[in-house]
C-alpha atoms as a PDB file:
ATOM      1  CA  MET A   1     144.321  92.187 102.476  1.00  0.00           C
ATOM      2  CA  GLU A   2     142.341  90.401 105.153  1.00  0.00           C
ATOM      3  CA  SER A   3     141.402  93.672 106.827  1.00  0.00           C
ATOM      4  CA  ASP A   4     139.994  94.991 103.522  1.00  0.00           C
ATOM      5  CA  SER A   5     137.774  91.943 103.075  1.00  0.00           C
ATOM      6  CA  PHE A   6     136.672  92.188 106.709  1.00  0.00           C
ATOM      7  CA  LEU A   7     135.654  95.843 106.239  1.00  0.00           C
ATOM      8  CA  CYS A   8     133.808  94.989 103.055  1.00  0.00           C
ATOM      9  CA  ASN A   9     131.917  92.150 104.764  1.00  0.00           C
ATOM     10  CA  SER A  10     131.006  94.324 107.741  1.00  0.00           C
ATOM     11  CA  ASN A  11     129.685  97.055 105.413  1.00  0.00           C
ATOM     12  CA  LEU A  12     127.553  94.510 103.566  1.00  0.00           C
ATOM     13  CA  LYS A  13     126.200  93.214 106.856  1.00  0.00           C
ATOM     14  CA  LYS A  14     125.306  96.755 107.986  1.00  0.00           C
ATOM     15  CA  LYS A  15     123.497  97.446 104.711  1.00  0.00           C
ATOM     16  CA  LYS A  16     121.628  94.142 104.949  1.00  0.00           C
ATOM     17  CA  ASN A  17     120.613  94.816 108.560  1.00  0.00           C
ATOM     18  CA  LYS A  18     119.416  98.309 107.632  1.00  0.00           C
ATOM     19  CA  TRP A  19     117.361  96.897 104.755  1.00  0.00           C
ATOM     20  CA  ASN A  20     115.798  94.262 107.025  1.00  0.00           C
ATOM     21  CA  ARG A  21     114.952  96.909 109.617  1.00  0.00           C
ATOM     22  CA  GLU A  22     113.237  99.075 106.974  1.00  0.00           C
ATOM     23  CA  ILE A  23     111.196  96.145 105.686  1.00  0.00           C
ATOM     24  CA  LYS A  24     110.162  95.286 109.235  1.00  0.00           C
ATOM     25  CA  GLY A  25     109.114  98.929 109.658  1.00  0.00           C
ATOM     26  CA  TYR A  26     106.695  98.490 106.771  1.00  0.00           C
ATOM     27  CA  LEU A  27     105.362  95.233 108.173  1.00  0.00           C
ATOM     28  CA  LYS A  28     104.702  96.778 111.587  1.00  0.00           C
ATOM     29  CA  LEU A  29     102.430  99.473 110.167  1.00  0.00           C
ATOM     30  CA  MET A  30      98.765  99.027 110.903  1.00  0.00           C
ATOM     31  CA  LEU A  31      96.219  99.207 108.087  1.00  0.00           C
ATOM     32  CA  ASP A  32      94.939 102.641 109.152  1.00  0.00           C
ATOM     33  CA  GLN A  33      98.509 104.001 109.148  1.00  0.00           C
ATOM     34  CA  LYS A  34      99.064 102.750 105.601  1.00  0.00           C
ATOM     35  CA  ILE A  35      95.814 104.360 104.467  1.00  0.00           C
ATOM     36  CA  LYS A  36      96.785 107.639 106.145  1.00  0.00           C
ATOM     37  CA  ILE A  37     100.136 107.602 104.308  1.00  0.00           C
ATOM     38  CA  VAL A  38      98.351 107.092 100.974  1.00  0.00           C
ATOM     39  CA  GLU A  39      95.837 109.854 101.755  1.00  0.00           C
ATOM     40  CA  LEU A  40      98.664 112.283 102.493  1.00  0.00           C
ATOM     41  CA  TYR A  41     100.353 111.239  99.251  1.00  0.00           C
ATOM     42  CA  LEU A  42      97.152 111.872  97.303  1.00  0.00           C
ATOM     43  CA  ARG A  43      97.024 115.363  98.842  1.00  0.00           C
ATOM     44  CA  GLU A  44     100.385 115.919  97.126  1.00  0.00           C
ATOM     45  CA  PHE A  45     102.627 115.788 100.193  1.00  0.00           C
ATOM     46  CA  SER A  46     106.166 114.645  99.417  1.00  0.00           C
ATOM     47  CA  ILE A  47     107.360 111.326 100.803  1.00  0.00           C
ATOM     48  CA  LEU A  48     109.821 113.149 103.051  1.00  0.00           C
ATOM     49  CA  GLU A  49     107.015 115.283 104.523  1.00  0.00           C
ATOM     50  CA  ILE A  50     104.848 112.207 105.024  1.00  0.00           C
ATOM     51  CA  SER A  51     107.653 110.367 106.826  1.00  0.00           C
ATOM     52  CA  LYS A  52     108.040 113.311 109.216  1.00  0.00           C
ATOM     53  CA  ILE A  53     104.281 113.617 109.820  1.00  0.00           C
ATOM     54  CA  MET A  54     103.815 109.888 110.423  1.00  0.00           C
ATOM     55  CA  ASN A  55     107.106 109.431 112.358  1.00  0.00           C
ATOM     56  CA  ASN A  56     108.216 106.625 110.038  1.00  0.00           C
ATOM     57  CA  SER A  57     111.281 106.097 107.895  1.00  0.00           C
ATOM     58  CA  TYR A  58     111.349 107.401 104.340  1.00  0.00           C
ATOM     59  CA  SER A  59     111.706 103.894 102.922  1.00  0.00           C
ATOM     60  CA  THR A  60     108.686 102.642 104.859  1.00  0.00           C
ATOM     61  CA  CYS A  61     106.486 105.413 103.463  1.00  0.00           C
ATOM     62  CA  TYR A  62     107.948 104.895 100.001  1.00  0.00           C
ATOM     63  CA  SER A  63     107.168 101.164 100.053  1.00  0.00           C
ATOM     64  CA  VAL A  64     103.564 101.835 101.154  1.00  0.00           C
ATOM     65  CA  ILE A  65     103.076 104.334  98.322  1.00  0.00           C
ATOM     66  CA  GLU A  66     104.666 102.061  95.725  1.00  0.00           C
ATOM     67  CA  LYS A  67     102.448  99.169  96.803  1.00  0.00           C
ATOM     68  CA  TYR A  68      99.408 101.450  96.529  1.00  0.00           C
ATOM     69  CA  LYS A  69     100.443 102.610  93.033  1.00  0.00           C
ATOM     70  CA  LYS A  70     100.901  99.037  91.886  1.00  0.00           C
ATOM     71  CA  PHE A  71      97.899  97.304  93.480  1.00  0.00           C
ATOM     72  CA  GLY A  72      95.528  99.917  94.950  1.00  0.00           C
ATOM     73  CA  TYR A  73      93.880 100.023  98.378  1.00  0.00           C
ATOM     74  CA  ASN A  74      92.736  96.402  98.359  1.00  0.00           C
ATOM     75  CA  SER A  75      96.340  95.207  98.405  1.00  0.00           C
ATOM     76  CA  PHE A  76      96.600  96.337 102.033  1.00  0.00           C
ATOM     77  CA  ALA A  77      93.485  94.412 103.001  1.00  0.00           C
ATOM     78  CA  MET A  78      94.768  91.200 101.435  1.00  0.00           C
ATOM     79  CA  GLU A  79      98.021  91.096 103.409  1.00  0.00           C
ATOM     80  CA  LYS A  80      98.487  88.087 105.632  1.00  0.00           C
ATOM     81  CA  LYS A  81      97.910  88.660 109.318  1.00  0.00           C
ATOM     82  CA  LYS A  82      98.822  85.825 111.687  1.00  0.00           C
ATOM     83  CA  GLY A  83      98.618  83.227 108.930  1.00  0.00           C
ATOM     84  CA  ARG A  84      95.147  84.196 107.707  1.00  0.00           C
ATOM     85  CA  LYS A  85      94.135  86.585 104.976  1.00  0.00           C
ATOM     86  CA  SER A  86      92.063  89.528 106.036  1.00  0.00           C
ATOM     87  CA  LYS A  87      88.707  89.619 104.292  1.00  0.00           C
ATOM     88  CA  MET A  88      88.290  93.358 104.733  1.00  0.00           C
ATOM     89  CA  ASN A  89      87.280  95.045 101.503  1.00  0.00           C
ATOM     90  CA  LEU A  90      88.096  98.723 101.358  1.00  0.00           C
ATOM     91  CA  LYS A  91      85.829 101.009  99.393  1.00  0.00           C
ATOM     92  CA  LEU A  92      87.156 104.539  99.391  1.00  0.00           C
END
């Protein structure tokens, strides 16, 4: 019984670590990389193709595209960088 609960806990920890790593992958992207991912998406590349072109994980590219769909380009400019909000206004 104890070994089953240990295996279950270790699997949960692995999944949680993987999720954290994917989120950190999104956070490490520079603004120009995020824009490039969106441009490729608008040219009707699949997310899998974009992840291979940009050398990023699928989930990172997916999260960039979902954020773009929900908020548009300006959402990337309003992300916090080092405790301050960027005042860059994108007009594309």
